[in-house]
Every structure is written in structure tokens, then in C-alpha cells.
Amino acid sequence: MQIRTGGWLAAAALVLSACATLQPVETAQKMIGSPESSVRDAFGKPTETYPLSDGTSRWIYSKQPLGFAVYAADFDAAGKLTKFRQMLTEEEIYTARPGVWTKRDVAERFGMPREPVQYYPLMKREAWSYRLYVAGYQPAHFSAYFDDRGVLDRTMIIVDPLGGDDRSSSK
């Protein structure tokens, strides 16, 4: 009987793991209020962790550089999950505040870049780049440009010319 129970538990863990991989936001929404240990069990070790200024914390799960997602798990001061979402969306990107945000603010929101950081000497700007989908299906790049003080200067979303348009492949 103990072998069957162990097999059932292993199967349940495998199903939870598959759900967390294939539908991370949906899986995490069902875990709101769960402790950090449960989130770690479901999603693994975060790629980055940040203590936030309000006493809460954020765990980043980056699928960059080849993936198109960066997920954030937010925890209250007691370590309970309060929010889990995909950060590389146009809605999230448009919350960026040029002239106010620093590299730390961008990292807390989108994680550290996994693509090589670029420096443009004529502009005197450093660029961090992330891959994302715009309009739900179009591959694109989001770039955050920082001045020499590390303050966000501007953001830009550029459609990936090599990514194609899903609608054109059906013709």
C-alpha cells in the first residue's frame, strides 16, 4: 500500500509541475495566500529575488533570453503569495517612468536582462533588452535605455522582423 501511495504522490507532483510549466499564471492564481515554500515547490527556485521598499518581496522567474516571459511572484511581509503575473506585457511596460525609475526599478519589474547589455556611445545610453509578444502573438523586443547615472531615459518596443506574423503563415 505504501508503494501505491508513493506512486500517487509522485504522479500528483508531476501533474502540478506540468501545470506550473504550461499555465504558470493560472496555477499560481489558485495558490494566492500560500507560503513561499509552496510557490518554490510548484515553480522551483526563482531566478532573482528582491526585497521591496514597502516590506514585501518579489520573486522573478525569467524565461529569457530565448523565452518570451518574465513572471513575478509577490509576497506580503509574512511570506504569503499575494500576486503572480507575466511582467512582459505592454500594460506592465507602459508603467515604466522615464526620468524616475533606475536600473533597480527595472530589474525589480522585469528582472535582469539575459541578452547582452548594449552601450551606445553616441547616445551615451545603456540598453537592456527583453523578448516578448505584442498583441498576443507577434514576437518583439522591449528595450530600456539608461543614462550614465543609471536613470531610465526611455523605453522602446520593436517588432522582431525575423519573428514574422502568425497571420501571414496561413496564406
Protein backbone atom coordinates (compact mmCIF):
# COMPACT_ATOMS: atom_id res chain seq x y z
CA MET A 1 0.00 0.00 0.00
CA GLN A 2 2.87 2.37 0.75
CA ILE A 3 4.25 1.95 -2.79
CA ARG A 4 0.87 2.89 -4.30
CA THR A 5 0.63 5.97 -2.10
CA GLY A 6 4.17 6.98 -3.07
CA GLY A 7 3.34 6.48 -6.74
CA TRP A 8 0.17 8.54 -6.42
CA LEU A 9 2.07 11.36 -4.69
CA ALA A 10 4.75 11.29 -7.39
CA ALA A 11 2.08 11.46 -10.09
CA ALA A 12 0.35 14.36 -8.33
CA ALA A 13 3.66 16.23 -8.08
CA LEU A 14 4.31 15.62 -11.77
CA VAL A 15 0.86 16.96 -12.73
CA LEU A 16 1.34 20.07 -10.56
CA SER A 17 4.77 20.61 -12.09
CA ALA A 18 3.34 20.29 -15.62
CA CYS A 19 0.55 22.76 -14.84
CA ALA A 20 3.03 25.22 -13.35
CA THR A 21 5.14 24.97 -16.50
CA LEU A 22 2.34 25.13 -19.06
CA GLN A 23 -0.02 27.54 -17.30
CA PRO A 24 2.01 29.33 -14.63
CA VAL A 25 -0.33 32.28 -14.06
CA GLU A 26 -3.44 30.10 -13.81
CA THR A 27 -1.65 27.69 -11.47
CA ALA A 28 -0.37 30.49 -9.24
CA GLN A 29 -3.76 32.24 -9.04
CA LYS A 30 -5.03 29.15 -7.23
CA MET A 31 -2.11 29.47 -4.80
CA ILE A 32 -2.79 33.04 -3.61
CA GLY A 33 -2.27 33.08 0.17
CA SER A 34 0.17 30.15 0.04
CA PRO A 35 3.59 30.38 1.72
CA GLU A 36 6.84 30.91 -0.19
CA SER A 37 7.72 27.23 0.26
CA SER A 38 4.64 26.16 -1.73
CA VAL A 39 5.50 28.55 -4.56
CA ARG A 40 9.08 27.25 -4.61
CA ASP A 41 7.76 23.65 -4.71
CA ALA A 42 5.48 24.47 -7.65
CA PHE A 43 7.78 26.72 -9.70
CA GLY A 44 11.29 25.97 -8.49
CA LYS A 45 13.98 28.38 -7.42
CA PRO A 46 13.40 31.94 -8.68
CA THR A 47 15.98 33.47 -11.00
CA GLU A 48 16.06 36.61 -8.80
CA THR A 49 14.58 37.85 -5.54
CA TYR A 50 14.02 41.45 -4.45
CA PRO A 51 13.02 42.92 -1.10
CA LEU A 52 10.68 45.80 -2.00
CA SER A 53 10.56 49.16 -0.24
CA ASP A 54 7.13 48.52 1.31
CA GLY A 55 8.35 45.45 3.24
CA THR A 56 7.06 42.93 0.70
CA SER A 57 9.18 40.86 -1.66
CA ARG A 58 9.16 39.80 -5.29
CA TRP A 59 10.50 36.65 -6.87
CA ILE A 60 11.30 36.80 -10.58
CA TYR A 61 11.01 33.72 -12.80
CA SER A 62 12.67 34.66 -16.09
CA LYS A 63 12.27 32.58 -19.26
CA GLN A 64 14.70 34.91 -21.07
CA PRO A 65 16.73 35.06 -23.28
CA LEU A 66 15.01 32.55 -25.58
CA GLY A 67 11.60 32.62 -23.94
CA PHE A 68 9.10 35.46 -24.07
CA ALA A 69 8.05 35.71 -20.43
CA VAL A 70 9.17 37.02 -17.06
CA TYR A 71 6.87 36.09 -14.18
CA ALA A 72 6.73 37.90 -10.84
CA ALA A 73 5.55 36.31 -7.61
CA ASP A 74 4.76 38.96 -4.99
CA PHE A 75 4.72 38.09 -1.29
CA ASP A 76 3.46 40.07 1.70
CA ALA A 77 5.65 40.71 4.75
CA ALA A 78 4.52 37.35 6.22
CA GLY A 79 5.75 35.48 3.12
CA LYS A 80 2.31 34.70 1.64
CA LEU A 81 1.73 34.91 -2.12
CA THR A 82 -0.37 37.97 -2.98
CA LYS A 83 0.06 38.24 -6.76
CA PHE A 84 1.59 36.33 -9.67
CA ARG A 85 1.69 37.73 -13.19
CA GLN A 86 3.51 37.88 -16.51
CA MET A 87 5.54 41.11 -16.45
CA LEU A 88 6.49 41.44 -20.12
CA THR A 89 3.19 42.82 -21.31
CA GLU A 90 2.52 46.16 -22.91
CA GLU A 91 0.41 47.13 -19.90
CA GLU A 92 3.30 46.50 -17.49
CA ILE A 93 5.88 48.13 -19.77
CA TYR A 94 3.78 51.31 -20.02
CA THR A 95 4.04 51.74 -16.24
CA ALA A 96 7.78 52.47 -16.61
CA ARG A 97 8.61 56.04 -15.58
CA PRO A 98 11.46 57.58 -17.59
CA GLY A 99 13.35 60.16 -15.57
CA VAL A 100 12.25 58.48 -12.33
CA TRP A 101 13.00 54.76 -12.47
CA THR A 102 16.53 53.46 -12.03
CA LYS A 103 18.12 50.20 -13.14
CA ARG A 104 16.99 48.72 -9.82
CA ASP A 105 13.35 49.63 -10.56
CA VAL A 106 13.51 47.99 -14.00
CA ALA A 107 15.19 44.90 -12.56
CA GLU A 108 12.52 44.60 -9.84
CA ARG A 109 9.81 44.75 -12.51
CA PHE A 110 11.30 42.74 -15.41
CA GLY A 111 14.36 41.01 -13.95
CA MET A 112 17.92 41.47 -15.06
CA PRO A 113 18.40 41.22 -18.82
CA ARG A 114 19.51 37.83 -20.11
CA GLU A 115 20.57 39.19 -23.50
CA PRO A 116 23.88 41.08 -23.73
CA VAL A 117 23.68 44.63 -22.43
CA GLN A 118 24.43 47.14 -25.18
CA TYR A 119 26.07 50.53 -24.80
CA TYR A 120 25.55 53.22 -27.44
CA PRO A 121 28.40 55.74 -27.04
CA LEU A 122 26.92 58.43 -29.31
CA MET A 123 23.67 58.41 -27.32
CA LYS A 124 25.55 57.76 -24.06
CA ARG A 125 22.89 55.18 -23.24
CA GLU A 126 22.97 51.62 -21.95
CA ALA A 127 20.22 49.33 -23.27
CA TRP A 128 18.68 46.30 -21.61
CA SER A 129 16.63 44.10 -23.93
CA TYR A 130 13.88 41.55 -23.33
CA ARG A 131 11.88 39.35 -25.70
CA LEU A 132 8.09 39.47 -25.53
CA TYR A 133 4.94 39.00 -27.56
CA VAL A 134 2.90 42.07 -28.51
CA ALA A 135 -0.74 41.83 -29.49
CA GLY A 136 -0.66 38.29 -28.10
CA TYR A 137 1.31 36.65 -30.91
CA GLN A 138 3.87 38.97 -32.52
CA PRO A 139 7.48 38.46 -31.35
CA ALA A 140 9.11 41.74 -30.33
CA HIS A 141 11.91 43.24 -28.24
CA PHE A 142 11.42 45.60 -25.33
CA SER A 143 14.41 47.82 -24.58
CA ALA A 144 15.01 50.04 -21.58
CA TYR A 145 17.61 52.78 -22.09
CA PHE A 146 19.54 54.26 -19.16
CA ASP A 147 21.62 57.41 -18.96
CA ASP A 148 25.10 57.40 -17.43
CA ARG A 149 23.58 57.92 -13.96
CA GLY A 150 21.56 54.70 -14.32
CA VAL A 151 18.24 56.52 -14.66
CA LEU A 152 15.69 55.23 -17.18
CA ASP A 153 15.73 57.56 -20.18
CA ARG A 154 13.21 55.86 -22.48
CA THR A 155 11.65 52.55 -23.41
CA MET A 156 11.01 51.09 -26.81
CA ILE A 157 9.15 48.09 -28.23
CA ILE A 158 10.31 46.92 -31.65
CA VAL A 159 8.57 44.15 -33.57
CA ASP A 160 11.03 41.35 -34.39
CA PRO A 161 11.48 41.35 -38.20
CA LEU A 162 12.58 37.71 -38.12
CA GLY A 163 9.66 36.63 -35.94
CA GLY A 164 7.11 37.00 -38.70
CA ASP A 165 3.41 37.47 -38.32
CA ASP A 166 1.35 34.39 -37.46
CA ARG A 167 -1.42 35.57 -39.78
CA SER A 168 0.85 35.57 -42.86
CA SER A 169 1.87 31.92 -42.41
CA SER A 170 -1.65 30.72 -43.17
CA LYS A 171 -1.63 32.08 -46.74
